[in-house]
Structure formats: C-alpha cells, structure tokens
Amino acid sequence: MRSAEARQSAERVVTSAQSKLSAAKSPRWMRFDLAVGNRILERNEAAFQYLRELMTGTGFPDPVLALADPGLDVFKSNSEFQTLVDEVSQKNAETRSQISQIEQSFLVAK
C-alpha cells in the first residue's frame, strides 16, 4: 500500500514540476522535484538528467544542505550518483585551485 501511495505522490510531483518548470521563479526546486520524483518512479535516465543539471549547473535549491539533503537518499545506492559526485568534487577542486592562484597573484603583485 505504501509503495502505491509513494508512486502516486511521485507521479503528482513530477507532473506538477514539469508543468511549472518553464515559468518557475526558482527552477532549481522544480529540477530537484523532477530528479527525486523520477528516481522514485525508477525513471533513472530522467532522474539523473535533472540531478546532473542541478549538480553541474544551476546548483542545489538549498546550498547549505546540498549533498546532505535527505531527498537525495534515493540516489545514494546508485553508482552513477557517486560518479557524478566525484566529477563535481573534481570540478570544485579545480575551481578552488584557480581561485587560489588568482589570489596568490594579487599577493605577489603587491
């Protein structure tokens, strides 16, 4: 019974988020809902498409929680999620290194 209810709720969330995505003031929340809803519905390709958009582009709806958001628990058992996390972590490390180099160039210039 709970499984059927969860599936129906996920269907409603996905349908609602899809209809609001193009006009949403905060499309990050819609993408998050689409990612989680599609994952619950076992539509992994769509789920990871929206998750990838969040993680590599627009960012999480709640940047404080980010990867600690319990809504992402439905992804954590999937190896594709870990691959995506690793890619984003690598990109973040590269960005931090570039920022550090720029900061150091200002210190040297003074």
N, C-alpha and C. Protein backbone atom coordinates (compact mmCIF):
# COMPACT_ATOMS: atom_id res chain seq x y z
N MET A 1 0.82 -1.20 0.00
CA MET A 1 0.00 0.00 0.00
C MET A 1 0.86 1.26 0.00
N ARG A 2 1.87 1.31 0.87
CA ARG A 2 2.73 2.50 0.94
C ARG A 2 3.45 2.72 -0.38
N SER A 3 3.86 1.63 -1.00
CA SER A 3 4.55 1.73 -2.28
C SER A 3 3.66 2.37 -3.34
N ALA A 4 2.41 1.96 -3.38
CA ALA A 4 1.46 2.54 -4.35
C ALA A 4 1.22 4.02 -4.04
N GLU A 5 1.11 4.36 -2.77
CA GLU A 5 0.90 5.76 -2.38
C GLU A 5 2.12 6.61 -2.74
N ALA A 6 3.30 6.06 -2.49
CA ALA A 6 4.54 6.79 -2.82
C ALA A 6 4.64 7.01 -4.32
N ARG A 7 4.28 6.01 -5.08
CA ARG A 7 4.31 6.11 -6.53
C ARG A 7 3.32 7.18 -7.03
N GLN A 8 2.13 7.18 -6.47
CA GLN A 8 1.13 8.18 -6.86
C GLN A 8 1.60 9.59 -6.50
N SER A 9 2.17 9.72 -5.32
CA SER A 9 2.69 11.04 -4.90
C SER A 9 3.81 11.49 -5.83
N ALA A 10 4.70 10.58 -6.16
CA ALA A 10 5.81 10.91 -7.06
C ALA A 10 5.28 11.32 -8.43
N GLU A 11 4.26 10.62 -8.92
CA GLU A 11 3.66 10.98 -10.21
C GLU A 11 3.10 12.40 -10.17
N ARG A 12 2.41 12.73 -9.08
CA ARG A 12 1.85 14.08 -8.94
C ARG A 12 2.95 15.14 -8.89
N VAL A 13 4.00 14.84 -8.15
CA VAL A 13 5.11 15.80 -8.02
C VAL A 13 5.76 16.02 -9.38
N VAL A 14 6.03 14.95 -10.10
CA VAL A 14 6.68 15.06 -11.41
C VAL A 14 5.78 15.84 -12.38
N THR A 15 4.53 15.52 -12.41
CA THR A 15 3.59 16.22 -13.31
C THR A 15 3.54 17.71 -12.96
N SER A 16 3.43 18.02 -11.70
CA SER A 16 3.37 19.41 -11.26
C SER A 16 4.66 20.15 -11.60
N ALA A 17 5.80 19.54 -11.29
CA ALA A 17 7.09 20.19 -11.54
C ALA A 17 7.31 20.41 -13.04
N GLN A 18 6.92 19.45 -13.86
CA GLN A 18 7.08 19.61 -15.31
C GLN A 18 6.26 20.77 -15.83
N SER A 19 5.06 20.92 -15.31
CA SER A 19 4.19 21.99 -15.79
C SER A 19 4.68 23.37 -15.31
N LYS A 20 5.41 23.41 -14.22
CA LYS A 20 5.86 24.69 -13.67
C LYS A 20 7.28 25.06 -14.06
N LEU A 21 8.04 24.11 -14.56
CA LEU A 21 9.48 24.33 -14.78
C LEU A 21 9.78 25.54 -15.65
N SER A 22 9.12 25.69 -16.76
CA SER A 22 9.46 26.77 -17.69
C SER A 22 9.16 28.16 -17.15
N ALA A 23 8.19 28.26 -16.26
CA ALA A 23 7.80 29.57 -15.74
C ALA A 23 8.18 29.77 -14.27
N ALA A 24 8.86 28.81 -13.69
CA ALA A 24 9.16 28.88 -12.26
C ALA A 24 10.15 29.99 -11.93
N LYS A 25 9.89 30.68 -10.83
CA LYS A 25 10.82 31.69 -10.35
C LYS A 25 12.07 31.03 -9.78
N SER A 26 11.90 29.82 -9.27
CA SER A 26 13.02 29.06 -8.73
C SER A 26 13.06 27.68 -9.38
N PRO A 27 13.57 27.60 -10.61
CA PRO A 27 13.56 26.32 -11.32
C PRO A 27 14.41 25.24 -10.65
N ARG A 28 15.30 25.65 -9.75
CA ARG A 28 16.10 24.64 -9.04
C ARG A 28 15.22 23.70 -8.26
N TRP A 29 14.19 24.24 -7.60
CA TRP A 29 13.28 23.38 -6.84
C TRP A 29 12.53 22.44 -7.76
N MET A 30 12.14 22.95 -8.92
CA MET A 30 11.42 22.09 -9.87
C MET A 30 12.33 20.97 -10.36
N ARG A 31 13.58 21.30 -10.67
CA ARG A 31 14.54 20.28 -11.12
C ARG A 31 14.80 19.26 -10.01
N PHE A 32 14.89 19.74 -8.78
CA PHE A 32 15.09 18.83 -7.66
C PHE A 32 13.90 17.88 -7.55
N ASP A 33 12.69 18.43 -7.60
CA ASP A 33 11.49 17.59 -7.53
C ASP A 33 11.44 16.60 -8.69
N LEU A 34 11.83 17.04 -9.88
CA LEU A 34 11.84 16.15 -11.04
C LEU A 34 12.88 15.04 -10.88
N ALA A 35 14.03 15.39 -10.35
CA ALA A 35 15.08 14.38 -10.14
C ALA A 35 14.61 13.33 -9.14
N VAL A 36 14.16 13.77 -7.98
CA VAL A 36 13.75 12.84 -6.93
C VAL A 36 12.50 12.05 -7.35
N GLY A 37 11.52 12.74 -7.91
CA GLY A 37 10.29 12.06 -8.33
C GLY A 37 10.55 11.00 -9.38
N ASN A 38 11.37 11.34 -10.38
CA ASN A 38 11.69 10.36 -11.42
C ASN A 38 12.49 9.19 -10.87
N ARG A 39 13.34 9.45 -9.90
CA ARG A 39 14.12 8.35 -9.29
C ARG A 39 13.18 7.41 -8.54
N ILE A 40 12.24 7.95 -7.80
CA ILE A 40 11.27 7.11 -7.09
C ILE A 40 10.47 6.27 -8.08
N LEU A 41 10.17 6.86 -9.24
CA LEU A 41 9.41 6.16 -10.27
C LEU A 41 10.30 5.24 -11.12
N GLU A 42 11.56 5.16 -10.75
CA GLU A 42 12.55 4.32 -11.42
C GLU A 42 12.78 4.73 -12.87
N ARG A 43 12.63 6.01 -13.13
CA ARG A 43 12.96 6.59 -14.43
C ARG A 43 14.35 7.19 -14.31
N ASN A 44 15.33 6.31 -14.25
CA ASN A 44 16.68 6.73 -13.90
C ASN A 44 17.31 7.71 -14.88
N GLU A 45 17.07 7.53 -16.16
CA GLU A 45 17.68 8.44 -17.13
C GLU A 45 17.22 9.87 -16.90
N ALA A 46 15.92 10.07 -16.75
CA ALA A 46 15.38 11.41 -16.49
C ALA A 46 15.84 11.92 -15.13
N ALA A 47 15.82 11.06 -14.14
CA ALA A 47 16.22 11.46 -12.79
C ALA A 47 17.65 11.99 -12.78
N PHE A 48 18.55 11.25 -13.40
CA PHE A 48 19.95 11.67 -13.40
C PHE A 48 20.20 12.87 -14.31
N GLN A 49 19.37 13.04 -15.33
CA GLN A 49 19.49 14.22 -16.18
C GLN A 49 19.22 15.48 -15.33
N TYR A 50 18.13 15.47 -14.57
CA TYR A 50 17.81 16.63 -13.74
C TYR A 50 18.81 16.80 -12.61
N LEU A 51 19.25 15.69 -12.03
CA LEU A 51 20.24 15.79 -10.96
C LEU A 51 21.56 16.36 -11.49
N ARG A 52 21.96 15.92 -12.66
CA ARG A 52 23.19 16.43 -13.26
C ARG A 52 23.08 17.94 -13.52
N GLU A 53 21.91 18.38 -14.01
CA GLU A 53 21.70 19.82 -14.23
C GLU A 53 21.86 20.59 -12.92
N LEU A 54 21.35 20.03 -11.84
CA LEU A 54 21.49 20.70 -10.54
C LEU A 54 22.95 20.75 -10.10
N MET A 55 23.60 19.61 -10.18
CA MET A 55 24.94 19.50 -9.61
C MET A 55 26.02 20.18 -10.44
N THR A 56 25.81 20.26 -11.75
CA THR A 56 26.85 20.85 -12.60
C THR A 56 26.48 22.23 -13.13
N GLY A 57 25.26 22.63 -12.93
CA GLY A 57 24.83 23.91 -13.49
C GLY A 57 24.23 24.85 -12.49
N THR A 58 22.95 24.69 -12.29
CA THR A 58 22.21 25.68 -11.52
C THR A 58 22.46 25.64 -10.02
N GLY A 59 22.89 24.51 -9.51
CA GLY A 59 23.13 24.38 -8.08
C GLY A 59 21.90 23.86 -7.35
N PHE A 60 22.11 23.44 -6.14
CA PHE A 60 21.04 22.88 -5.34
C PHE A 60 20.09 23.96 -4.85
N PRO A 61 18.82 23.58 -4.66
CA PRO A 61 17.85 24.56 -4.16
C PRO A 61 18.25 25.10 -2.79
N ASP A 62 18.83 24.24 -1.97
CA ASP A 62 19.28 24.64 -0.64
C ASP A 62 20.79 24.41 -0.59
N PRO A 63 21.59 25.44 -0.90
CA PRO A 63 23.04 25.26 -0.97
C PRO A 63 23.68 24.86 0.35
N VAL A 64 23.01 25.13 1.45
CA VAL A 64 23.57 24.73 2.75
C VAL A 64 23.51 23.22 2.90
N LEU A 65 22.39 22.63 2.53
CA LEU A 65 22.26 21.17 2.61
C LEU A 65 23.04 20.48 1.49
N ALA A 66 22.84 20.93 0.28
CA ALA A 66 23.48 20.36 -0.91
C ALA A 66 23.44 18.83 -0.87
N LEU A 67 24.60 18.20 -0.88
CA LEU A 67 24.66 16.73 -0.93
C LEU A 67 24.15 16.06 0.35
N ALA A 68 24.01 16.82 1.42
CA ALA A 68 23.50 16.25 2.67
C ALA A 68 21.97 16.23 2.70
N ASP A 69 21.34 16.77 1.66
CA ASP A 69 19.88 16.82 1.62
C ASP A 69 19.31 15.40 1.65
N PRO A 70 18.45 15.10 2.62
CA PRO A 70 17.89 13.75 2.72
C PRO A 70 17.06 13.35 1.49
N GLY A 71 16.63 14.31 0.70
CA GLY A 71 15.91 13.99 -0.53
C GLY A 71 16.77 13.22 -1.52
N LEU A 72 18.09 13.36 -1.38
CA LEU A 72 19.00 12.67 -2.29
C LEU A 72 19.26 11.22 -1.88
N ASP A 73 18.73 10.81 -0.76
CA ASP A 73 18.95 9.43 -0.30
C ASP A 73 18.53 8.40 -1.34
N VAL A 74 17.52 8.73 -2.14
CA VAL A 74 17.05 7.78 -3.16
C VAL A 74 18.10 7.55 -4.25
N PHE A 75 19.11 8.41 -4.34
CA PHE A 75 20.16 8.26 -5.34
C PHE A 75 21.40 7.55 -4.81
N LYS A 76 21.62 7.59 -3.53
CA LYS A 76 22.91 7.21 -2.96
C LYS A 76 23.32 5.77 -3.18
N SER A 77 22.38 4.88 -3.42
CA SER A 77 22.73 3.48 -3.65
C SER A 77 23.14 3.22 -5.10
N ASN A 78 23.05 4.23 -5.96
CA ASN A 78 23.34 4.07 -7.37
C ASN A 78 24.77 4.54 -7.66
N SER A 79 25.53 3.72 -8.38
CA SER A 79 26.92 4.06 -8.67
C SER A 79 27.03 5.32 -9.54
N GLU A 80 26.02 5.59 -10.35
CA GLU A 80 26.04 6.79 -11.18
C GLU A 80 26.06 8.05 -10.32
N PHE A 81 25.39 7.98 -9.17
CA PHE A 81 25.38 9.12 -8.24
C PHE A 81 26.79 9.39 -7.73
N GLN A 82 27.49 8.32 -7.33
CA GLN A 82 28.85 8.51 -6.82
C GLN A 82 29.78 9.04 -7.91
N THR A 83 29.60 8.58 -9.13
CA THR A 83 30.39 9.09 -10.25
C THR A 83 30.14 10.58 -10.44
N LEU A 84 28.88 10.97 -10.37
CA LEU A 84 28.52 12.38 -10.51
C LEU A 84 29.11 13.21 -9.37
N VAL A 85 29.03 12.70 -8.16
CA VAL A 85 29.61 13.41 -7.01
C VAL A 85 31.12 13.58 -7.21
N ASP A 86 31.79 12.53 -7.68
CA ASP A 86 33.24 12.60 -7.92
C ASP A 86 33.58 13.63 -8.98
N GLU A 87 32.78 13.67 -10.06
CA GLU A 87 33.01 14.66 -11.13
C GLU A 87 32.87 16.08 -10.60
N VAL A 88 31.82 16.30 -9.83
CA VAL A 88 31.58 17.64 -9.28
C VAL A 88 32.68 18.01 -8.28
N SER A 89 33.08 17.06 -7.47
CA SER A 89 34.16 17.31 -6.50
C SER A 89 35.45 17.69 -7.21
N GLN A 90 35.76 17.00 -8.30
CA GLN A 90 36.96 17.31 -9.09
C GLN A 90 36.86 18.71 -9.69
N LYS A 91 35.70 19.04 -10.24
CA LYS A 91 35.50 20.37 -10.82
C LYS A 91 35.64 21.45 -9.74
N ASN A 92 35.08 21.18 -8.57
CA ASN A 92 35.18 22.15 -7.46
C ASN A 92 36.63 22.32 -7.03
N ALA A 93 37.39 21.24 -6.98
CA ALA A 93 38.80 21.32 -6.60
C ALA A 93 39.58 22.15 -7.61
N GLU A 94 39.28 21.96 -8.89
CA GLU A 94 39.95 22.74 -9.93
C GLU A 94 39.61 24.22 -9.81
N THR A 95 38.36 24.51 -9.53
CA THR A 95 37.93 25.91 -9.37
C THR A 95 38.60 26.54 -8.16
N ARG A 96 38.66 25.79 -7.05
CA ARG A 96 39.33 26.31 -5.85
C ARG A 96 40.81 26.58 -6.14
N SER A 97 41.45 25.71 -6.90
CA SER A 97 42.86 25.90 -7.24
C SER A 97 43.04 27.15 -8.10
N GLN A 98 42.15 27.37 -9.06
CA GLN A 98 42.23 28.56 -9.90
C GLN A 98 42.04 29.82 -9.07
N ILE A 99 41.09 29.78 -8.15
CA ILE A 99 40.86 30.95 -7.29
C ILE A 99 42.09 31.22 -6.43
N SER A 100 42.67 30.17 -5.90
CA SER A 100 43.87 30.32 -5.08
C SER A 100 45.02 30.93 -5.88
N GLN A 101 45.18 30.50 -7.12
CA GLN A 101 46.24 31.05 -7.97
C GLN A 101 46.01 32.54 -8.23
N ILE A 102 44.76 32.90 -8.46
CA ILE A 102 44.43 34.31 -8.69
C ILE A 102 44.72 35.13 -7.43
N GLU A 103 44.32 34.60 -6.28
CA GLU A 103 44.58 35.31 -5.02
C GLU A 103 46.08 35.47 -4.79
N GLN A 104 46.85 34.42 -5.07
CA GLN A 104 48.31 34.48 -4.89
C GLN A 104 48.94 35.52 -5.83
N SER A 105 48.38 35.65 -7.03
CA SER A 105 48.95 36.63 -7.97
C SER A 105 48.74 38.06 -7.44
N PHE A 106 47.64 38.29 -6.73
CA PHE A 106 47.43 39.61 -6.13
C PHE A 106 48.41 39.86 -5.00
N LEU A 107 48.71 38.83 -4.23
CA LEU A 107 49.64 38.98 -3.11
C LEU A 107 51.06 39.25 -3.62
N VAL A 108 51.43 38.58 -4.68
CA VAL A 108 52.77 38.75 -5.26
C VAL A 108 52.91 40.13 -5.90
N ALA A 109 51.85 40.62 -6.50
CA ALA A 109 51.86 41.90 -7.18
C ALA A 109 52.01 43.08 -6.23
N LYS A 110 51.64 42.89 -4.97
CA LYS A 110 51.72 44.00 -4.00
C LYS A 110 53.09 44.21 -3.49
